[in-house]
Structures are given as C-alpha cells and as structure tokens.
Amino acid sequence: MRGGYRGIPKPKLPPHLKRVHVNARIQKWMLDELKKQGEVGIVLEYILEKKAGFKYQSEIQNKN
C-alpha cells in the first residue's frame, strides 16, 4: 500500500468560519514578537478582535 489519505475526512467548515490568506509587510522584529506569543495568525486575530475593537460577525454580508 502506498501513500494516500487514511482515516475519516474532516467536516467542512461553514463559510463564515473559514480563514483567508492575507499578505502584509511588517518588520522582522514584529514578526519575531508575534511568533514568541504563538501562532501568528491566531495572535493577530486576537489582537484585532480584543484590542483593536473589531467585532465578530456571525454572517458574511456580500455586497454584489
């Protein structure tokens, strides 16, 4: 038997819980500090939500 997926696949997340990739240029020392605190994406999410005043939205509002 070679490679391939073994096990039960993870259930798909609802659209409002999916994360998107964002490219941002920050200074190296800032990135080092974020890495010391944990996973960069989760730390940034915490900072934006708790300290910068962003509110969690349960539904995505599309403007088409």
C-alpha atoms as a PDB file:
ATOM      1  CA  MET A   1       0.000   0.000   0.000  1.00  0.00           C
ATOM      2  CA  ARG A   2       1.346   3.444  -0.907  1.00  0.00           C
ATOM      3  CA  GLY A   3       0.573   6.949   0.336  1.00  0.00           C
ATOM      4  CA  GLY A   4      -2.877   8.360   0.024  1.00  0.00           C
ATOM      5  CA  TYR A   5      -5.328   9.557   2.634  1.00  0.00           C
ATOM      6  CA  ARG A   6      -6.061   7.326   5.599  1.00  0.00           C
ATOM      7  CA  GLY A   7      -8.878   7.963   8.002  1.00  0.00           C
ATOM      8  CA  ILE A   8     -12.074   9.930   8.160  1.00  0.00           C
ATOM      9  CA  PRO A   9     -12.048  13.314   6.381  1.00  0.00           C
ATOM     10  CA  LYS A  10     -12.639  16.425   8.491  1.00  0.00           C
ATOM     11  CA  PRO A  11     -16.076  18.003   8.143  1.00  0.00           C
ATOM     12  CA  LYS A  12     -16.125  21.197   6.058  1.00  0.00           C
ATOM     13  CA  LEU A  13     -16.347  24.490   7.929  1.00  0.00           C
ATOM     14  CA  PRO A  14     -19.217  26.889   7.367  1.00  0.00           C
ATOM     15  CA  PRO A  15     -18.208  29.822   5.118  1.00  0.00           C
ATOM     16  CA  HIS A  16     -18.191  32.370   7.960  1.00  0.00           C
ATOM     17  CA  LEU A  17     -15.580  30.347   9.881  1.00  0.00           C
ATOM     18  CA  LYS A  18     -13.112  29.915   7.029  1.00  0.00           C
ATOM     19  CA  ARG A  19      -9.936  31.937   7.119  1.00  0.00           C
ATOM     20  CA  VAL A  20      -8.389  33.742   4.187  1.00  0.00           C
ATOM     21  CA  HIS A  21      -4.711  34.378   3.498  1.00  0.00           C
ATOM     22  CA  VAL A  22      -3.572  37.985   3.755  1.00  0.00           C
ATOM     23  CA  ASN A  23      -0.158  39.238   2.731  1.00  0.00           C
ATOM     24  CA  ALA A  24       1.217  42.053   4.852  1.00  0.00           C
ATOM     25  CA  ARG A  25       4.646  43.578   5.119  1.00  0.00           C
ATOM     26  CA  ILE A  26       5.766  44.001   8.694  1.00  0.00           C
ATOM     27  CA  GLN A  27       9.178  44.484  10.199  1.00  0.00           C
ATOM     28  CA  LYS A  28      11.142  41.391  11.182  1.00  0.00           C
ATOM     29  CA  TRP A  29      11.188  42.237  14.878  1.00  0.00           C
ATOM     30  CA  MET A  30       7.366  42.457  14.857  1.00  0.00           C
ATOM     31  CA  LEU A  31       7.108  39.025  13.281  1.00  0.00           C
ATOM     32  CA  ASP A  32       9.561  37.627  15.837  1.00  0.00           C
ATOM     33  CA  GLU A  33       7.449  39.043  18.686  1.00  0.00           C
ATOM     34  CA  LEU A  34       4.263  37.559  17.203  1.00  0.00           C
ATOM     35  CA  LYS A  35       5.925  34.145  16.864  1.00  0.00           C
ATOM     36  CA  LYS A  36       7.002  34.269  20.534  1.00  0.00           C
ATOM     37  CA  GLN A  37       3.345  34.671  21.538  1.00  0.00           C
ATOM     38  CA  GLY A  38       2.105  31.708  19.495  1.00  0.00           C
ATOM     39  CA  GLU A  39       0.808  31.029  16.004  1.00  0.00           C
ATOM     40  CA  VAL A  40       0.977  34.321  14.103  1.00  0.00           C
ATOM     41  CA  GLY A  41      -2.483  34.149  12.505  1.00  0.00           C
ATOM     42  CA  ILE A  42      -4.236  33.372  15.780  1.00  0.00           C
ATOM     43  CA  VAL A  43      -2.318  36.070  17.666  1.00  0.00           C
ATOM     44  CA  LEU A  44      -3.205  38.663  15.008  1.00  0.00           C
ATOM     45  CA  GLU A  45      -6.846  37.567  15.098  1.00  0.00           C
ATOM     46  CA  TYR A  46      -6.878  38.025  18.882  1.00  0.00           C
ATOM     47  CA  ILE A  47      -5.270  41.472  18.635  1.00  0.00           C
ATOM     48  CA  LEU A  48      -7.746  42.651  16.001  1.00  0.00           C
ATOM     49  CA  GLU A  49     -10.746  41.351  17.910  1.00  0.00           C
ATOM     50  CA  LYS A  50      -9.863  42.203  21.515  1.00  0.00           C
ATOM     51  CA  LYS A  51      -7.543  45.194  21.308  1.00  0.00           C
ATOM     52  CA  ALA A  52      -8.404  46.948  18.034  1.00  0.00           C
ATOM     53  CA  GLY A  53     -12.160  46.766  18.543  1.00  0.00           C
ATOM     54  CA  PHE A  54     -13.114  44.583  15.577  1.00  0.00           C
ATOM     55  CA  LYS A  55     -16.447  42.854  16.123  1.00  0.00           C
ATOM     56  CA  TYR A  56     -17.046  39.220  15.185  1.00  0.00           C
ATOM     57  CA  GLN A  57     -19.764  38.894  12.555  1.00  0.00           C
ATOM     58  CA  SER A  58     -21.704  35.648  12.548  1.00  0.00           C
ATOM     59  CA  GLU A  59     -22.730  36.017   8.902  1.00  0.00           C
ATOM     60  CA  ILE A  60     -20.757  37.282   5.933  1.00  0.00           C
ATOM     61  CA  GLN A  61     -22.547  40.097   4.171  1.00  0.00           C
ATOM     62  CA  ASN A  62     -21.865  40.030   0.430  1.00  0.00           C
ATOM     63  CA  LYS A  63     -22.206  43.274  -1.475  1.00  0.00           C
ATOM     64  CA  ASN A  64     -22.900  42.218  -5.053  1.00  0.00           C
END
